[in-house]
Amino acid sequence: MIDHESESSLTRGDLARATGCNIETIRYYEKTGLLPDPPRSAAGYRIYSAAHATRLRFILRARELGFSMEDIRGLMGLNDGAAPTCAEVKERTERHLADVRAKISDLRRIESVLAATASRCSGAEVPNCPVLDAISGN
């Protein structure tokens, strides 16, 4: 792992190792504008800075928390070029939290249906299967 002090002149591979991010993902974030294009060396190599590493870690953590690309763009102030206010960040976060809670509710409902369906299945070598009947609506 590369320490933060040595993140002032990183290749894409170095940036990937320092952040645990796949190289193709770094390219994608550059292409979508979440990660700014780095300057290039005289030989044409991309040279990433500590700021790139910090920003990439922010993006990765936000993705881990389930924020959409558009939400991340808003959190970083890329939509209008201005840093978001705490109130704007809170509103976006509460909206995301509501979505997460709705998904959890849906998953609990699915778990309940699957558990009930699986409990009706004997697991025997017979042609009729309650699980398949439930899935096909019979």
Protein backbone atom coordinates (compact mmCIF):
# COMPACT_ATOMS: atom_id res chain seq x y z
CA MET A 1 0.00 0.00 0.00
CA ILE A 2 1.25 3.43 -0.91
CA ASP A 3 1.27 5.98 1.91
CA HIS A 4 -0.50 9.31 1.45
CA GLU A 5 2.75 11.26 1.54
CA SER A 6 3.99 9.53 -1.63
CA GLU A 7 0.76 10.18 -3.56
CA SER A 8 2.02 13.33 -5.24
CA SER A 9 3.10 11.70 -8.49
CA LEU A 10 1.22 8.49 -9.23
CA THR A 11 0.73 6.48 -12.39
CA ARG A 12 -2.72 5.01 -12.97
CA GLY A 13 -1.45 1.66 -11.69
CA ASP A 14 -0.08 3.34 -8.55
CA LEU A 15 -3.40 5.11 -8.03
CA ALA A 16 -5.25 1.82 -8.43
CA ARG A 17 -3.02 0.12 -5.85
CA ALA A 18 -3.18 3.07 -3.43
CA THR A 19 -6.98 3.14 -3.47
CA GLY A 20 -7.85 -0.50 -4.15
CA CYS A 21 -9.71 0.59 -7.27
CA ASN A 22 -9.63 -1.26 -10.58
CA ILE A 23 -7.81 0.55 -13.40
CA GLU A 24 -10.84 0.25 -15.69
CA THR A 25 -12.99 1.86 -12.99
CA ILE A 26 -10.55 4.77 -12.78
CA ARG A 27 -10.84 5.18 -16.57
CA TYR A 28 -14.63 5.11 -16.26
CA TYR A 29 -14.66 7.79 -13.56
CA GLU A 30 -12.43 9.96 -15.75
CA LYS A 31 -14.67 9.41 -18.77
CA THR A 32 -17.80 10.37 -16.79
CA GLY A 33 -16.13 13.44 -15.30
CA LEU A 34 -16.17 12.32 -11.67
CA LEU A 35 -12.39 12.15 -11.66
CA PRO A 36 -10.64 14.99 -13.50
CA ASP A 37 -8.15 14.18 -16.22
CA PRO A 38 -4.67 14.25 -14.74
CA PRO A 39 -1.84 16.18 -16.29
CA ARG A 40 0.62 14.24 -18.40
CA SER A 41 4.35 13.85 -18.11
CA ALA A 42 6.66 14.89 -20.95
CA ALA A 43 6.52 11.26 -22.09
CA GLY A 44 2.71 11.38 -22.17
CA TYR A 45 2.02 9.36 -19.03
CA ARG A 46 -0.85 10.39 -16.80
CA ILE A 47 0.43 11.72 -13.47
CA TYR A 48 -2.10 11.59 -10.63
CA SER A 49 -1.79 13.68 -7.48
CA ALA A 50 -2.79 13.17 -3.86
CA ALA A 51 -5.94 15.16 -4.67
CA HIS A 52 -6.88 12.54 -7.29
CA ALA A 53 -6.38 9.78 -4.71
CA THR A 54 -8.49 11.64 -2.13
CA ARG A 55 -11.27 12.27 -4.63
CA LEU A 56 -11.21 8.65 -5.83
CA ARG A 57 -11.48 7.40 -2.24
CA PHE A 58 -14.48 9.69 -1.74
CA ILE A 59 -16.14 8.29 -4.89
CA LEU A 60 -15.44 4.70 -3.85
CA ARG A 61 -16.80 5.23 -0.35
CA ALA A 62 -19.92 6.93 -1.68
CA ARG A 63 -20.46 4.00 -4.07
CA GLU A 64 -20.03 1.57 -1.14
CA LEU A 65 -22.81 3.47 0.62
CA GLY A 66 -25.01 3.02 -2.45
CA PHE A 67 -25.02 6.59 -3.75
CA SER A 68 -25.72 6.84 -7.47
CA MET A 69 -23.25 8.45 -9.83
CA GLU A 70 -25.56 11.46 -10.11
CA ASP A 71 -25.75 11.75 -6.32
CA ILE A 72 -21.96 11.62 -6.08
CA ARG A 73 -21.74 14.27 -8.77
CA GLY A 74 -24.06 16.44 -6.66
CA LEU A 75 -22.21 15.73 -3.43
CA MET A 76 -18.98 16.86 -5.06
CA GLY A 77 -20.58 19.98 -6.53
CA LEU A 78 -20.04 18.89 -10.13
CA ASN A 79 -23.61 19.64 -11.23
CA ASP A 80 -23.35 23.39 -10.99
CA GLY A 81 -19.70 23.92 -10.17
CA ALA A 82 -20.42 25.07 -6.62
CA ALA A 83 -19.74 23.16 -3.44
CA PRO A 84 -23.00 21.89 -1.97
CA THR A 85 -24.26 23.27 1.32
CA CYS A 86 -24.68 21.01 4.32
CA ALA A 87 -28.46 21.35 3.86
CA GLU A 88 -28.19 20.13 0.26
CA VAL A 89 -26.01 17.19 1.30
CA LYS A 90 -28.46 16.31 4.08
CA GLU A 91 -31.42 16.43 1.68
CA ARG A 92 -29.64 14.19 -0.83
CA THR A 93 -28.59 11.80 1.96
CA GLU A 94 -32.10 11.60 3.43
CA ARG A 95 -33.51 10.87 -0.02
CA HIS A 96 -30.96 8.09 -0.43
CA LEU A 97 -31.73 6.78 3.06
CA ALA A 98 -35.43 6.58 2.18
CA ASP A 99 -34.53 4.56 -0.94
CA VAL A 100 -32.33 2.23 1.13
CA ARG A 101 -35.11 1.70 3.68
CA ALA A 102 -37.59 0.92 0.88
CA LYS A 103 -35.17 -1.65 -0.55
CA ILE A 104 -34.70 -3.22 2.90
CA SER A 105 -38.48 -3.47 3.24
CA ASP A 106 -38.74 -5.11 -0.19
CA LEU A 107 -35.95 -7.54 0.70
CA ARG A 108 -37.69 -8.50 3.96
CA ARG A 109 -40.91 -9.18 2.03
CA ILE A 110 -39.00 -11.29 -0.51
CA GLU A 111 -37.25 -13.18 2.30
CA SER A 112 -40.59 -13.96 3.92
CA VAL A 113 -42.12 -15.26 0.68
CA LEU A 114 -39.04 -17.34 -0.15
CA ALA A 115 -38.84 -18.81 3.36
CA ALA A 116 -42.52 -19.76 3.31
CA THR A 117 -42.21 -21.25 -0.17
CA ALA A 118 -39.05 -23.20 0.66
CA SER A 119 -40.66 -24.60 3.82
CA ARG A 120 -43.44 -26.15 1.68
CA CYS A 121 -40.89 -27.98 -0.46
CA SER A 122 -40.01 -31.51 0.61
CA GLY A 123 -36.85 -31.60 -1.46
CA ALA A 124 -37.82 -35.08 -2.60
CA GLU A 125 -37.22 -36.47 -6.07
CA VAL A 126 -40.80 -35.85 -7.22
CA PRO A 127 -42.03 -34.06 -10.35
CA ASN A 128 -44.16 -31.50 -8.49
CA CYS A 129 -42.31 -28.72 -6.72
CA PRO A 130 -44.05 -26.07 -4.59
CA VAL A 131 -41.23 -23.61 -5.23
CA LEU A 132 -41.62 -23.84 -9.00
CA ASP A 133 -45.43 -23.66 -8.61
CA ALA A 134 -45.10 -20.47 -6.55
CA ILE A 135 -42.72 -18.88 -9.04
CA SER A 136 -44.96 -19.70 -12.00
CA GLY A 137 -48.03 -18.42 -10.14
CA ASN A 138 -49.78 -21.79 -9.75
